Amino acid sequence: MHTLKLRKVGSSIGVILPKELLERLHLQEGDQLFAEENSTGLHLTPLDPDFEATMAAFERTRRKYRNALHQLAK
């Protein structure tokens, strides 16, 4: 667990992430983090939740139309 400090950045407030956390998550300046509020607090992730939902929908479609997609690929 890491303790993060809030700092004023212009007219906003930013969170400073420790270098070792950035390295472990393969994050660098300019990358996006997605914040999701849940019953236990706040979840920060570099993974886009909309992308995950899109990929799940694609997987359902791919399985359902497997033969048709195979024929189209020829």
N, C-alpha and C. Protein backbone atom coordinates (compact mmCIF):
# COMPACT_ATOMS: atom_id res chain seq x y z
N MET A 1 0.84 -1.16 0.00
CA MET A 1 0.00 0.00 0.00
C MET A 1 0.89 1.24 0.00
N HIS A 2 0.47 2.24 -0.75
CA HIS A 2 1.22 3.49 -0.84
C HIS A 2 0.37 4.63 -0.30
N THR A 3 0.98 5.54 0.40
CA THR A 3 0.31 6.76 0.82
C THR A 3 0.61 7.81 -0.23
N LEU A 4 -0.44 8.39 -0.80
CA LEU A 4 -0.28 9.37 -1.87
C LEU A 4 -0.59 10.75 -1.33
N LYS A 5 0.11 11.73 -1.83
CA LYS A 5 -0.08 13.10 -1.38
C LYS A 5 -0.76 13.92 -2.47
N LEU A 6 -1.74 14.72 -2.06
CA LEU A 6 -2.42 15.63 -2.98
C LEU A 6 -1.66 16.95 -3.02
N ARG A 7 -1.47 17.47 -4.23
CA ARG A 7 -0.74 18.73 -4.41
C ARG A 7 -1.51 19.63 -5.36
N LYS A 8 -1.39 20.91 -5.16
CA LYS A 8 -2.02 21.88 -6.05
C LYS A 8 -1.22 21.92 -7.36
N VAL A 9 -1.93 21.77 -8.47
CA VAL A 9 -1.33 21.84 -9.81
C VAL A 9 -2.17 22.84 -10.61
N GLY A 10 -1.70 24.05 -10.71
CA GLY A 10 -2.49 25.10 -11.35
C GLY A 10 -3.72 25.37 -10.51
N SER A 11 -4.90 25.30 -11.13
CA SER A 11 -6.14 25.51 -10.39
C SER A 11 -6.77 24.17 -9.98
N SER A 12 -6.06 23.07 -10.19
CA SER A 12 -6.56 21.74 -9.85
C SER A 12 -5.75 21.14 -8.71
N ILE A 13 -6.12 19.96 -8.31
CA ILE A 13 -5.38 19.19 -7.32
C ILE A 13 -4.92 17.91 -8.00
N GLY A 14 -3.65 17.55 -7.83
CA GLY A 14 -3.09 16.34 -8.44
C GLY A 14 -2.60 15.38 -7.38
N VAL A 15 -2.42 14.13 -7.78
CA VAL A 15 -1.89 13.09 -6.90
C VAL A 15 -0.49 12.75 -7.39
N ILE A 16 0.45 12.70 -6.47
CA ILE A 16 1.83 12.34 -6.80
C ILE A 16 1.99 10.84 -6.59
N LEU A 17 2.36 10.12 -7.65
CA LEU A 17 2.57 8.68 -7.57
C LEU A 17 4.06 8.39 -7.41
N PRO A 18 4.42 7.52 -6.49
CA PRO A 18 5.84 7.18 -6.28
C PRO A 18 6.45 6.53 -7.53
N LYS A 19 7.72 6.77 -7.74
CA LYS A 19 8.44 6.26 -8.91
C LYS A 19 8.32 4.75 -9.03
N GLU A 20 8.46 4.00 -7.92
CA GLU A 20 8.40 2.53 -7.98
C GLU A 20 7.02 2.04 -8.40
N LEU A 21 5.96 2.77 -8.04
CA LEU A 21 4.61 2.41 -8.46
C LEU A 21 4.45 2.65 -9.96
N LEU A 22 4.96 3.77 -10.44
CA LEU A 22 4.90 4.08 -11.87
C LEU A 22 5.63 3.02 -12.69
N GLU A 23 6.80 2.60 -12.21
CA GLU A 23 7.58 1.59 -12.92
C GLU A 23 6.85 0.25 -12.93
N ARG A 24 6.25 -0.14 -11.79
CA ARG A 24 5.56 -1.43 -11.71
C ARG A 24 4.34 -1.46 -12.62
N LEU A 25 3.66 -0.32 -12.76
CA LEU A 25 2.46 -0.25 -13.61
C LEU A 25 2.78 0.14 -15.05
N HIS A 26 4.07 0.35 -15.33
CA HIS A 26 4.53 0.77 -16.67
C HIS A 26 3.82 2.06 -17.11
N LEU A 27 3.78 3.02 -16.20
CA LEU A 27 3.16 4.31 -16.48
C LEU A 27 4.24 5.38 -16.60
N GLN A 28 3.93 6.37 -17.43
CA GLN A 28 4.83 7.51 -17.54
C GLN A 28 4.01 8.77 -17.75
N GLU A 29 4.67 9.89 -17.69
CA GLU A 29 3.98 11.17 -17.83
C GLU A 29 3.16 11.20 -19.12
N GLY A 30 1.93 11.65 -19.01
CA GLY A 30 1.04 11.73 -20.17
C GLY A 30 0.11 10.55 -20.32
N ASP A 31 0.40 9.43 -19.64
CA ASP A 31 -0.50 8.28 -19.69
C ASP A 31 -1.81 8.61 -18.98
N GLN A 32 -2.86 7.85 -19.31
CA GLN A 32 -4.15 8.05 -18.67
C GLN A 32 -4.38 7.01 -17.59
N LEU A 33 -5.01 7.45 -16.51
CA LEU A 33 -5.50 6.55 -15.47
C LEU A 33 -7.01 6.73 -15.41
N PHE A 34 -7.71 5.65 -15.16
CA PHE A 34 -9.16 5.69 -15.06
C PHE A 34 -9.54 5.47 -13.60
N ALA A 35 -10.41 6.32 -13.07
CA ALA A 35 -10.83 6.24 -11.68
C ALA A 35 -12.26 5.72 -11.64
N GLU A 36 -12.48 4.71 -10.79
CA GLU A 36 -13.81 4.14 -10.64
C GLU A 36 -14.12 4.08 -9.15
N GLU A 37 -15.23 4.68 -8.78
CA GLU A 37 -15.64 4.67 -7.38
C GLU A 37 -16.44 3.40 -7.13
N ASN A 38 -16.13 2.72 -6.03
CA ASN A 38 -16.89 1.53 -5.66
C ASN A 38 -17.19 1.56 -4.16
N SER A 39 -17.75 0.49 -3.64
CA SER A 39 -18.18 0.48 -2.24
C SER A 39 -17.01 0.57 -1.25
N THR A 40 -15.81 0.20 -1.68
CA THR A 40 -14.66 0.25 -0.77
C THR A 40 -13.81 1.51 -0.94
N GLY A 41 -14.11 2.31 -1.93
CA GLY A 41 -13.34 3.54 -2.14
C GLY A 41 -13.15 3.84 -3.61
N LEU A 42 -11.93 4.14 -3.98
CA LEU A 42 -11.59 4.55 -5.35
C LEU A 42 -10.61 3.55 -5.95
N HIS A 43 -10.88 3.13 -7.16
CA HIS A 43 -10.01 2.19 -7.86
C HIS A 43 -9.40 2.92 -9.05
N LEU A 44 -8.07 3.01 -9.09
CA LEU A 44 -7.35 3.62 -10.22
C LEU A 44 -6.75 2.51 -11.06
N THR A 45 -6.93 2.61 -12.38
CA THR A 45 -6.39 1.60 -13.28
C THR A 45 -5.96 2.24 -14.59
N PRO A 46 -4.90 1.72 -15.20
CA PRO A 46 -4.51 2.21 -16.52
C PRO A 46 -5.35 1.58 -17.63
N LEU A 47 -6.18 0.59 -17.29
CA LEU A 47 -7.01 -0.10 -18.28
C LEU A 47 -8.34 0.61 -18.48
N ASP A 48 -8.67 0.92 -19.72
CA ASP A 48 -9.90 1.62 -20.06
C ASP A 48 -11.09 0.68 -19.90
N PRO A 49 -12.01 0.95 -18.97
CA PRO A 49 -13.16 0.05 -18.77
C PRO A 49 -14.06 -0.05 -20.01
N ASP A 50 -14.15 1.02 -20.80
CA ASP A 50 -14.95 0.97 -22.02
C ASP A 50 -14.33 0.01 -23.03
N PHE A 51 -13.01 -0.02 -23.09
CA PHE A 51 -12.32 -0.94 -23.99
C PHE A 51 -12.58 -2.38 -23.57
N GLU A 52 -12.56 -2.64 -22.28
CA GLU A 52 -12.84 -3.99 -21.77
C GLU A 52 -14.24 -4.43 -22.18
N ALA A 53 -15.22 -3.55 -22.05
CA ALA A 53 -16.60 -3.88 -22.42
C ALA A 53 -16.71 -4.12 -23.93
N THR A 54 -16.00 -3.31 -24.71
CA THR A 54 -16.01 -3.49 -26.16
C THR A 54 -15.39 -4.83 -26.55
N MET A 55 -14.30 -5.20 -25.92
CA MET A 55 -13.65 -6.48 -26.22
C MET A 55 -14.54 -7.66 -25.81
N ALA A 56 -15.24 -7.54 -24.71
CA ALA A 56 -16.16 -8.61 -24.27
C ALA A 56 -17.28 -8.77 -25.29
N ALA A 57 -17.82 -7.67 -25.80
CA ALA A 57 -18.88 -7.73 -26.82
C ALA A 57 -18.34 -8.36 -28.10
N PHE A 58 -17.12 -7.99 -28.48
CA PHE A 58 -16.51 -8.59 -29.67
C PHE A 58 -16.35 -10.10 -29.50
N GLU A 59 -15.91 -10.54 -28.34
CA GLU A 59 -15.72 -11.97 -28.09
C GLU A 59 -17.04 -12.73 -28.23
N ARG A 60 -18.12 -12.16 -27.71
CA ARG A 60 -19.44 -12.81 -27.85
C ARG A 60 -19.83 -12.92 -29.33
N THR A 61 -19.61 -11.83 -30.06
CA THR A 61 -19.94 -11.81 -31.50
C THR A 61 -19.06 -12.78 -32.26
N ARG A 62 -17.77 -12.79 -31.93
CA ARG A 62 -16.82 -13.67 -32.63
C ARG A 62 -17.21 -15.13 -32.45
N ARG A 63 -17.62 -15.51 -31.23
CA ARG A 63 -18.01 -16.90 -31.00
C ARG A 63 -19.30 -17.23 -31.74
N LYS A 64 -20.26 -16.30 -31.71
CA LYS A 64 -21.57 -16.56 -32.32
C LYS A 64 -21.45 -16.69 -33.85
N TYR A 65 -20.62 -15.85 -34.46
CA TYR A 65 -20.51 -15.83 -35.93
C TYR A 65 -19.17 -16.38 -36.40
N ARG A 66 -18.63 -17.32 -35.68
CA ARG A 66 -17.30 -17.87 -35.98
C ARG A 66 -17.21 -18.37 -37.42
N ASN A 67 -18.17 -19.17 -37.85
CA ASN A 67 -18.12 -19.74 -39.20
C ASN A 67 -18.25 -18.67 -40.27
N ALA A 68 -19.15 -17.72 -40.07
CA ALA A 68 -19.32 -16.66 -41.06
C ALA A 68 -18.05 -15.80 -41.16
N LEU A 69 -17.43 -15.48 -40.04
CA LEU A 69 -16.20 -14.70 -40.07
C LEU A 69 -15.06 -15.48 -40.74
N HIS A 70 -15.05 -16.78 -40.53
CA HIS A 70 -14.04 -17.63 -41.16
C HIS A 70 -14.21 -17.61 -42.69
N GLN A 71 -15.45 -17.69 -43.15
CA GLN A 71 -15.72 -17.66 -44.58
C GLN A 71 -15.36 -16.28 -45.18
N LEU A 72 -15.66 -15.21 -44.45
CA LEU A 72 -15.33 -13.87 -44.94
C LEU A 72 -13.83 -13.64 -45.03
N ALA A 73 -13.09 -14.32 -44.18
CA ALA A 73 -11.63 -14.15 -44.15
C ALA A 73 -10.95 -14.81 -45.35
N LYS A 74 -11.65 -15.70 -46.03
CA LYS A 74 -11.03 -16.41 -47.18
C LYS A 74 -10.87 -15.50 -48.37
